Amino acid sequence: MLKRNLKTVAFALIAFCAVIFTSCEEKNALEVLDIQSFTDGAIADFQGDAVGKGRCLEFVFPLSVTFSDGTTAEASDYENLFETIKTWYETNDVKPSRENKPQLAFPIQVINEEAQIIDVDSREALRELRRECGSRFDKPRDKGKCKGGRGHHCFKLVFPISLNIGGEVQTFEDRAAMKDAIRSYKETAGEDAERPTLVFPITVEDEEGNQVEVASKEALQALKESCTDND
């Protein structure tokens, strides 16, 4: 009888441990899913109603984000941005919430449909640029489509690129050099000076990672329109 009772107790303990182990696995899976969903939502918030597929602006990468502990990280593209945000929450064991949501580290740069490179100093300035776009890019966005950190982007610039800055054509190997040149130009010419524009042809990378040569401003507008149509 004692032996039978011991077997019963042992079986119960094994079953209990199995339930606890399964519950822990399910909890961990849910936490990972929560972080991934939260990260996708954060990227969609960065883009707002101005940037990306179906909108008139595109981010110029790399760009930086600031976390609730004051640290800043730079991302080279949307997928890297997704991994950077997700990894921060996993590494710091922080539960995602509205209070500790990451923020874009301004200033940033965007490219508009007129092939202009624009410095953006705040979220409000980004919204103002959106208002400049008019109604051509007013198609509602389904945030549920934002998966895997790819965001809703149409393309990203591939360096080197050339810009017409105040009537002078300059070529840049990376965004840092371009950013410094535009800042210097604005300090000299004033905030209301003519915006720097891309010198065509340019090369961009589409959502699938393919590099595409764009021959003109009209071709760039057509590319944005095609992204809108396929959204």
Protein backbone atom coordinates (compact mmCIF):
# COMPACT_ATOMS: atom_id res chain seq x y z
CA MET A 1 0.00 0.00 0.00
CA LEU A 2 2.82 2.42 0.95
CA LYS A 3 4.61 1.66 -2.30
CA ARG A 4 1.42 2.34 -4.25
CA ASN A 5 0.90 5.64 -2.44
CA LEU A 6 4.48 6.69 -3.14
CA LYS A 7 3.98 5.94 -6.83
CA THR A 8 0.79 7.98 -6.81
CA VAL A 9 2.54 10.92 -5.15
CA ALA A 10 5.46 10.69 -7.56
CA PHE A 11 3.13 10.65 -10.54
CA ALA A 12 1.26 13.66 -9.18
CA LEU A 13 4.52 15.56 -8.69
CA ILE A 14 5.62 14.78 -12.24
CA ALA A 15 2.26 15.90 -13.60
CA PHE A 16 2.42 19.10 -11.51
CA CYS A 17 5.93 19.91 -12.75
CA ALA A 18 4.83 19.29 -16.32
CA VAL A 19 1.94 21.73 -15.91
CA ILE A 20 4.23 24.35 -14.33
CA PHE A 21 6.83 23.89 -17.09
CA THR A 22 4.19 24.19 -19.80
CA SER A 23 2.73 27.30 -18.16
CA CYS A 24 6.19 28.89 -18.01
CA GLU A 25 6.77 28.10 -21.69
CA GLU A 26 3.42 29.61 -22.63
CA LYS A 27 4.10 32.69 -20.51
CA ASN A 28 7.52 33.18 -22.10
CA ALA A 29 6.01 32.77 -25.57
CA LEU A 30 3.36 35.37 -24.76
CA GLU A 31 5.99 37.78 -23.43
CA VAL A 32 8.04 37.42 -26.63
CA LEU A 33 4.90 37.97 -28.70
CA ASP A 34 4.02 41.04 -26.62
CA ILE A 35 7.48 42.54 -27.20
CA GLN A 36 7.32 41.86 -30.92
CA SER A 37 3.85 43.38 -31.25
CA PHE A 38 4.88 46.35 -29.12
CA THR A 39 7.97 46.89 -31.28
CA ASP A 40 5.93 46.82 -34.47
CA GLY A 41 3.57 49.36 -32.92
CA ALA A 42 6.44 51.61 -31.87
CA ILE A 43 7.79 51.66 -35.44
CA ALA A 44 4.32 52.44 -36.79
CA ASP A 45 4.14 55.32 -34.29
CA PHE A 46 7.52 56.62 -35.47
CA GLN A 47 6.16 56.74 -39.00
CA GLY A 48 2.89 58.27 -37.89
CA ASP A 49 0.76 59.43 -40.78
CA ALA A 50 3.68 60.89 -42.71
CA VAL A 51 6.37 58.33 -43.43
CA GLY A 52 6.47 55.09 -45.35
CA LYS A 53 4.40 53.01 -47.72
CA GLY A 54 1.26 54.87 -48.69
CA ARG A 55 2.67 58.15 -47.32
CA CYS A 56 4.61 60.96 -48.93
CA LEU A 57 7.85 60.80 -46.90
CA GLU A 58 10.61 58.26 -46.30
CA PHE A 59 13.15 58.13 -43.48
CA VAL A 60 16.79 58.62 -44.38
CA PHE A 61 18.64 55.88 -42.52
CA PRO A 62 20.50 55.46 -40.27
CA LEU A 63 18.36 57.03 -37.54
CA SER A 64 18.50 56.80 -33.76
CA VAL A 65 16.02 56.01 -31.00
CA THR A 66 16.13 56.89 -27.31
CA PHE A 67 14.97 54.49 -24.58
CA SER A 68 13.43 55.22 -21.20
CA ASP A 69 16.78 54.79 -19.42
CA GLY A 70 18.29 57.59 -21.51
CA THR A 71 20.38 55.36 -23.76
CA THR A 72 20.37 55.89 -27.52
CA ALA A 73 20.86 53.35 -30.29
CA GLU A 74 21.34 53.78 -34.02
CA ALA A 75 19.56 51.63 -36.62
CA SER A 76 20.65 51.10 -40.23
CA ASP A 77 17.21 50.10 -41.59
CA TYR A 78 13.76 48.99 -40.46
CA GLU A 79 14.74 45.41 -39.68
CA ASN A 80 17.70 46.61 -37.64
CA LEU A 81 15.41 49.10 -35.90
CA PHE A 82 13.02 46.29 -34.99
CA GLU A 83 15.81 44.09 -33.60
CA THR A 84 17.36 47.01 -31.71
CA ILE A 85 14.11 47.86 -29.91
CA LYS A 86 13.14 44.26 -29.22
CA THR A 87 16.61 43.39 -27.91
CA TRP A 88 16.61 46.36 -25.54
CA TYR A 89 13.41 45.18 -23.82
CA GLU A 90 14.60 41.58 -23.67
CA THR A 91 18.08 42.47 -22.37
CA ASN A 92 16.84 44.94 -19.75
CA ASP A 93 13.91 42.71 -18.72
CA VAL A 94 11.53 45.66 -19.10
CA LYS A 95 7.83 45.06 -19.73
CA PRO A 96 6.73 47.19 -22.69
CA SER A 97 4.28 49.94 -21.83
CA ARG A 98 3.19 53.36 -22.98
CA GLU A 99 5.30 54.91 -20.22
CA ASN A 100 8.59 53.37 -21.40
CA LYS A 101 8.00 53.47 -25.16
CA PRO A 102 11.12 54.38 -27.21
CA GLN A 103 11.24 57.73 -29.00
CA LEU A 104 12.82 58.91 -32.22
CA ALA A 105 16.00 60.86 -31.51
CA PHE A 106 15.57 64.12 -33.40
CA PRO A 107 16.81 65.68 -35.57
CA ILE A 108 16.19 63.19 -38.35
CA GLN A 109 16.09 63.52 -42.12
CA VAL A 110 13.36 62.55 -44.56
CA ILE A 111 12.98 62.57 -48.32
CA ASN A 112 9.76 63.89 -49.84
CA GLU A 113 8.12 63.21 -53.20
CA GLU A 114 9.85 66.26 -54.68
CA ALA A 115 13.22 64.56 -54.09
CA GLN A 116 14.10 67.07 -51.37
CA ILE A 117 16.11 66.07 -48.30
CA ILE A 118 14.59 67.73 -45.24
CA ASP A 119 15.90 68.12 -41.70
CA VAL A 120 13.16 67.40 -39.15
CA ASP A 121 13.70 68.65 -35.61
CA SER A 122 10.57 67.35 -33.87
CA ARG A 123 7.46 65.18 -34.10
CA GLU A 124 5.45 68.36 -34.67
CA ALA A 125 7.65 69.29 -37.63
CA LEU A 126 7.09 65.82 -39.07
CA ARG A 127 3.32 66.31 -38.81
CA GLU A 128 3.65 69.69 -40.53
CA LEU A 129 5.47 68.06 -43.44
CA ARG A 130 2.61 65.58 -43.66
CA ARG A 131 0.18 68.48 -44.04
CA GLU A 132 2.29 69.81 -46.92
CA CYS A 133 1.74 66.57 -48.82
CA GLY A 134 -1.90 67.29 -49.60
CA SER A 135 -4.48 64.59 -50.17
CA ARG A 136 -2.61 62.36 -52.63
CA PHE A 137 -1.37 60.14 -49.81
CA ASP A 138 -4.47 60.01 -47.64
CA LYS A 139 -5.07 56.27 -47.93
CA PRO A 140 -5.79 54.78 -44.47
CA ARG A 141 -3.11 52.54 -43.06
CA ASP A 142 -3.73 49.09 -41.64
CA LYS A 143 -1.28 48.97 -38.72
CA GLY A 144 -1.90 45.25 -38.45
CA LYS A 145 0.18 44.76 -41.61
CA CYS A 146 3.30 46.07 -39.92
CA LYS A 147 5.09 42.80 -39.17
CA GLY A 148 8.67 41.75 -38.60
CA GLY A 149 10.03 45.25 -38.14
CA ARG A 150 9.87 46.10 -41.84
CA GLY A 151 7.47 48.92 -41.14
CA HIS A 152 5.58 50.38 -44.08
CA HIS A 153 8.52 51.73 -46.06
CA CYS A 154 8.61 52.07 -49.81
CA PHE A 155 12.35 52.50 -50.32
CA LYS A 156 15.56 53.69 -48.72
CA LEU A 157 18.41 55.65 -50.27
CA VAL A 158 21.57 53.82 -51.24
CA PHE A 159 24.75 55.83 -50.77
CA PRO A 160 26.74 57.44 -52.27
CA ILE A 161 24.30 60.09 -53.42
CA SER A 162 24.65 63.62 -54.80
CA LEU A 163 22.67 66.66 -53.70
CA ASN A 164 22.15 70.08 -55.17
CA ILE A 165 22.71 72.30 -52.14
CA GLY A 166 22.23 75.98 -52.82
CA GLY A 167 23.15 75.55 -56.48
CA GLU A 168 26.25 73.45 -55.76
CA VAL A 169 26.34 69.69 -56.41
CA GLN A 170 27.97 67.71 -53.61
CA THR A 171 28.45 63.94 -53.32
CA PHE A 172 28.21 62.09 -50.01
CA GLU A 173 29.37 58.62 -49.05
CA ASP A 174 27.09 58.37 -46.01
CA ARG A 175 24.28 60.12 -44.17
CA ALA A 176 26.55 61.61 -41.52
CA ALA A 177 28.49 63.63 -44.09
CA MET A 178 25.26 64.67 -45.81
CA LYS A 179 23.69 65.72 -42.51
CA ASP A 180 26.67 67.89 -41.59
CA ALA A 181 26.66 69.58 -45.01
CA ILE A 182 22.95 70.36 -44.85
CA ARG A 183 23.27 71.72 -41.31
CA SER A 184 26.15 73.94 -42.36
CA TYR A 185 24.18 75.18 -45.36
CA LYS A 186 21.14 76.04 -43.24
CA GLU A 187 23.26 77.89 -40.70
CA THR A 188 24.66 80.02 -43.52
CA ALA A 189 21.61 80.43 -45.75
CA GLY A 190 18.92 80.39 -43.04
CA GLU A 191 16.14 77.99 -42.11
CA ASP A 192 13.95 79.19 -44.99
CA ALA A 193 16.60 78.56 -47.63
CA GLU A 194 15.80 76.35 -50.62
CA ARG A 195 15.80 72.69 -49.64
CA PRO A 196 18.62 70.45 -50.94
CA THR A 197 17.45 68.15 -53.73
CA LEU A 198 18.67 64.80 -55.00
CA VAL A 199 20.70 64.71 -58.19
CA PHE A 200 19.46 61.91 -60.45
CA PRO A 201 19.93 59.12 -61.22
CA ILE A 202 19.87 57.66 -57.73
CA THR A 203 19.77 54.10 -56.41
CA VAL A 204 17.21 53.01 -53.86
CA GLU A 205 16.51 49.73 -52.09
CA ASP A 206 12.92 48.54 -52.16
CA GLU A 207 10.97 46.66 -49.50
CA GLU A 208 12.21 43.31 -50.80
CA GLY A 209 15.87 44.35 -50.61
CA ASN A 210 16.25 44.87 -54.37
CA GLN A 211 18.27 47.84 -55.60
CA VAL A 212 16.51 49.97 -58.19
CA GLU A 213 17.89 52.86 -60.23
CA VAL A 214 15.60 55.89 -60.31
CA ALA A 215 16.22 58.22 -63.24
CA SER A 216 14.22 61.31 -62.31
CA LYS A 217 11.99 63.06 -59.81
CA GLU A 218 8.99 61.87 -61.82
CA ALA A 219 10.22 58.27 -61.60
CA LEU A 220 10.59 58.69 -57.82
CA GLN A 221 7.02 59.97 -57.59
CA ALA A 222 5.85 57.02 -59.68
CA LEU A 223 7.67 54.66 -57.33
CA LYS A 224 5.90 56.19 -54.34
CA GLU A 225 2.57 55.95 -56.14
CA SER A 226 3.16 52.28 -56.91
CA CYS A 227 3.86 51.64 -53.22
CA THR A 228 0.59 53.39 -52.38
CA ASP A 229 -1.34 51.30 -54.91
CA ASN A 230 0.13 48.06 -53.54
CA ASP A 231 -0.33 48.93 -49.86
